[in-house]
Amino acid sequence: MEQGKLWMPAICQRFHITHYTVHITQKHHSSTCAFTLLEMMLALVLFAVGVVASMELIQRAHAGVAQGENVLIAAHLAQQRLEQLRNVGYGSLADESKAAITDPAGFSRFSREVDVTPLHSDTLRQVAVTVSWTAPGGTADVSLQTYRSNTH
């Protein structure tokens, strides 16, 4: 190679190209990187908002399931007591003050109250059983009622 001449690729020599120009441009990546960083930060913020919203939804669903379970248990306990009172003689029906449920075992977080109200010259009585429990934000209760007549 002669001194002062640049090396030319073989294709240029084959077609007798004697001059060519190489343009080298340098791109400034700083604005592109800053925009990409901004996009990543925005994506992370949106992801965080989505995660927080999902967690709130899961918590509310769990609380709803727990509340539904308590309502179901309370209704069962009230129905059970009404069935027991069906087997009690009409003259023995009486009010029961609010007390924690000990029978069946395992339901002490619930309390039960029985209210017997005479109707129509004491030939008909309304029997109401109310089961209550402590719920988030206060107390909740389920009340079931039936009627018993004095038939001989």
Protein backbone atom coordinates (compact mmCIF):
# COMPACT_ATOMS: atom_id res chain seq x y z
CA MET A 1 0.00 0.00 0.00
CA GLU A 2 1.35 3.38 -0.92
CA GLN A 3 1.87 5.90 1.75
CA GLY A 4 -0.82 8.57 1.94
CA LYS A 5 -3.47 6.44 0.25
CA LEU A 6 -6.22 4.90 2.31
CA TRP A 7 -6.94 1.26 2.11
CA MET A 8 -9.92 0.74 -0.15
CA PRO A 9 -12.19 -2.25 0.06
CA ALA A 10 -11.88 -4.81 -2.70
CA ILE A 11 -15.25 -3.87 -4.20
CA CYS A 12 -14.02 -0.32 -4.78
CA GLN A 13 -10.89 -1.58 -6.55
CA ARG A 14 -12.88 -3.95 -8.73
CA PHE A 15 -15.13 -1.22 -10.08
CA HIS A 16 -12.31 1.35 -10.22
CA ILE A 17 -13.82 3.63 -7.59
CA THR A 18 -11.11 6.01 -6.54
CA HIS A 19 -12.90 8.28 -4.12
CA TYR A 20 -15.50 7.62 -1.48
CA THR A 21 -16.59 9.48 1.58
CA VAL A 22 -17.49 8.02 4.93
CA HIS A 23 -19.83 10.08 7.05
CA ILE A 24 -19.75 9.33 10.75
CA THR A 25 -22.50 10.89 12.78
CA GLN A 26 -22.75 10.66 16.50
CA LYS A 27 -26.20 10.54 18.03
CA HIS A 28 -26.77 12.18 21.36
CA HIS A 29 -28.49 9.56 23.53
CA SER A 30 -29.04 11.74 26.56
CA SER A 31 -32.54 12.94 25.53
CA THR A 32 -33.56 9.42 24.50
CA CYS A 33 -32.34 7.95 27.80
CA ALA A 34 -34.11 10.62 29.82
CA PHE A 35 -37.34 9.93 27.97
CA THR A 36 -36.91 6.19 28.54
CA LEU A 37 -36.26 6.80 32.22
CA LEU A 38 -39.40 8.92 32.38
CA GLU A 39 -41.36 6.12 30.72
CA MET A 40 -39.99 3.59 33.22
CA MET A 41 -40.92 5.82 36.16
CA LEU A 42 -44.41 6.27 34.78
CA ALA A 43 -44.75 2.52 34.24
CA LEU A 44 -43.62 1.84 37.81
CA VAL A 45 -46.11 4.36 39.20
CA LEU A 46 -48.93 2.77 37.20
CA PHE A 47 -47.84 -0.69 38.33
CA ALA A 48 -47.77 0.44 41.99
CA VAL A 49 -51.25 1.94 41.69
CA GLY A 50 -52.48 -1.33 40.20
CA VAL A 51 -50.91 -3.39 42.97
CA VAL A 52 -52.37 -1.17 45.70
CA ALA A 53 -55.82 -1.31 44.09
CA SER A 54 -55.59 -5.10 43.81
CA MET A 55 -54.59 -5.44 47.46
CA GLU A 56 -57.53 -3.26 48.52
CA LEU A 57 -59.86 -5.40 46.43
CA ILE A 58 -58.51 -8.59 47.99
CA GLN A 59 -58.90 -7.15 51.50
CA ARG A 60 -62.50 -6.11 50.86
CA ALA A 61 -63.32 -9.50 49.36
CA HIS A 62 -61.84 -11.23 52.41
CA ALA A 63 -63.87 -9.01 54.76
CA GLY A 64 -67.01 -9.74 52.73
CA VAL A 65 -66.41 -13.48 52.97
CA ALA A 66 -65.87 -13.24 56.74
CA GLN A 67 -69.08 -11.19 57.14
CA GLY A 68 -71.02 -13.68 55.03
CA GLU A 69 -69.68 -16.55 57.11
CA ASN A 70 -70.79 -14.82 60.33
CA VAL A 71 -74.29 -14.21 58.94
CA LEU A 72 -74.57 -17.86 57.92
CA ILE A 73 -73.42 -19.12 61.33
CA ALA A 74 -75.74 -16.70 63.16
CA ALA A 75 -78.72 -17.75 61.06
CA HIS A 76 -77.93 -21.41 61.75
CA LEU A 77 -77.65 -20.78 65.51
CA ALA A 78 -80.95 -18.86 65.55
CA GLN A 79 -82.71 -21.58 63.56
CA GLN A 80 -81.30 -24.23 65.89
CA ARG A 81 -82.70 -22.42 68.95
CA LEU A 82 -86.10 -21.99 67.27
CA GLU A 83 -86.19 -25.74 66.62
CA GLN A 84 -85.37 -26.41 70.26
CA LEU A 85 -88.16 -24.08 71.37
CA ARG A 86 -90.66 -25.94 69.18
CA ASN A 87 -90.24 -28.89 71.53
CA VAL A 88 -90.91 -26.77 74.65
CA GLY A 89 -94.47 -26.69 75.97
CA TYR A 90 -96.50 -23.58 75.21
CA GLY A 91 -96.71 -22.62 78.89
CA SER A 92 -92.94 -22.94 79.30
CA LEU A 93 -92.04 -20.48 76.55
CA ALA A 94 -90.22 -17.58 78.18
CA ASP A 95 -87.81 -14.76 77.36
CA GLU A 96 -84.09 -15.48 77.56
CA SER A 97 -81.72 -12.61 78.24
CA LYS A 98 -78.79 -11.95 75.94
CA ALA A 99 -75.94 -14.34 76.74
CA ALA A 100 -72.92 -15.83 75.00
CA ILE A 101 -73.61 -19.09 73.19
CA THR A 102 -71.92 -21.98 74.96
CA ASP A 103 -73.83 -24.85 73.37
CA PRO A 104 -72.71 -25.85 70.79
CA ALA A 105 -69.12 -25.17 71.78
CA GLY A 106 -66.91 -22.94 69.68
CA PHE A 107 -69.41 -20.14 69.06
CA SER A 108 -68.75 -17.98 72.12
CA ARG A 109 -68.16 -14.90 69.95
CA PHE A 110 -71.93 -14.99 69.27
CA SER A 111 -74.62 -14.11 71.77
CA ARG A 112 -78.27 -15.10 71.65
CA GLU A 113 -81.47 -13.58 72.99
CA VAL A 114 -85.02 -14.98 72.94
CA ASP A 115 -88.04 -12.69 73.10
CA VAL A 116 -91.50 -14.24 73.59
CA THR A 117 -94.41 -11.85 72.99
CA PRO A 118 -98.01 -12.90 73.80
CA LEU A 119 -100.59 -12.04 71.12
CA HIS A 120 -104.41 -12.31 71.03
CA SER A 121 -105.27 -12.98 74.65
CA ASP A 122 -102.29 -15.29 75.08
CA THR A 123 -103.53 -17.88 72.57
CA LEU A 124 -100.71 -16.97 70.20
CA ARG A 125 -97.11 -16.09 70.95
CA GLN A 126 -94.44 -14.61 68.76
CA VAL A 127 -91.03 -16.15 69.42
CA ALA A 128 -88.04 -14.15 68.15
CA VAL A 129 -84.45 -15.36 68.41
CA THR A 130 -81.71 -12.78 67.83
CA VAL A 131 -78.07 -13.82 67.43
CA SER A 132 -75.51 -11.01 67.51
CA TRP A 133 -71.75 -10.71 67.19
CA THR A 134 -69.08 -8.03 67.05
CA ALA A 135 -68.34 -6.95 63.51
CA PRO A 136 -65.95 -4.33 62.15
CA GLY A 137 -67.63 -1.00 62.77
CA GLY A 138 -70.03 -2.21 65.48
CA THR A 139 -72.30 -5.12 66.21
CA ALA A 140 -74.33 -7.13 63.73
CA ASP A 141 -77.24 -9.45 64.29
CA VAL A 142 -79.60 -11.91 62.67
CA SER A 143 -83.14 -12.24 63.94
CA LEU A 144 -85.57 -15.06 63.15
CA GLN A 145 -89.13 -15.33 64.38
CA THR A 146 -91.96 -17.78 64.43
CA TYR A 147 -95.40 -18.07 66.00
CA ARG A 148 -96.69 -20.66 68.45
CA SER A 149 -100.36 -21.23 69.22
CA ASN A 150 -101.89 -22.72 72.33
CA THR A 151 -103.58 -25.76 70.86
CA HIS A 152 -104.65 -28.52 73.22
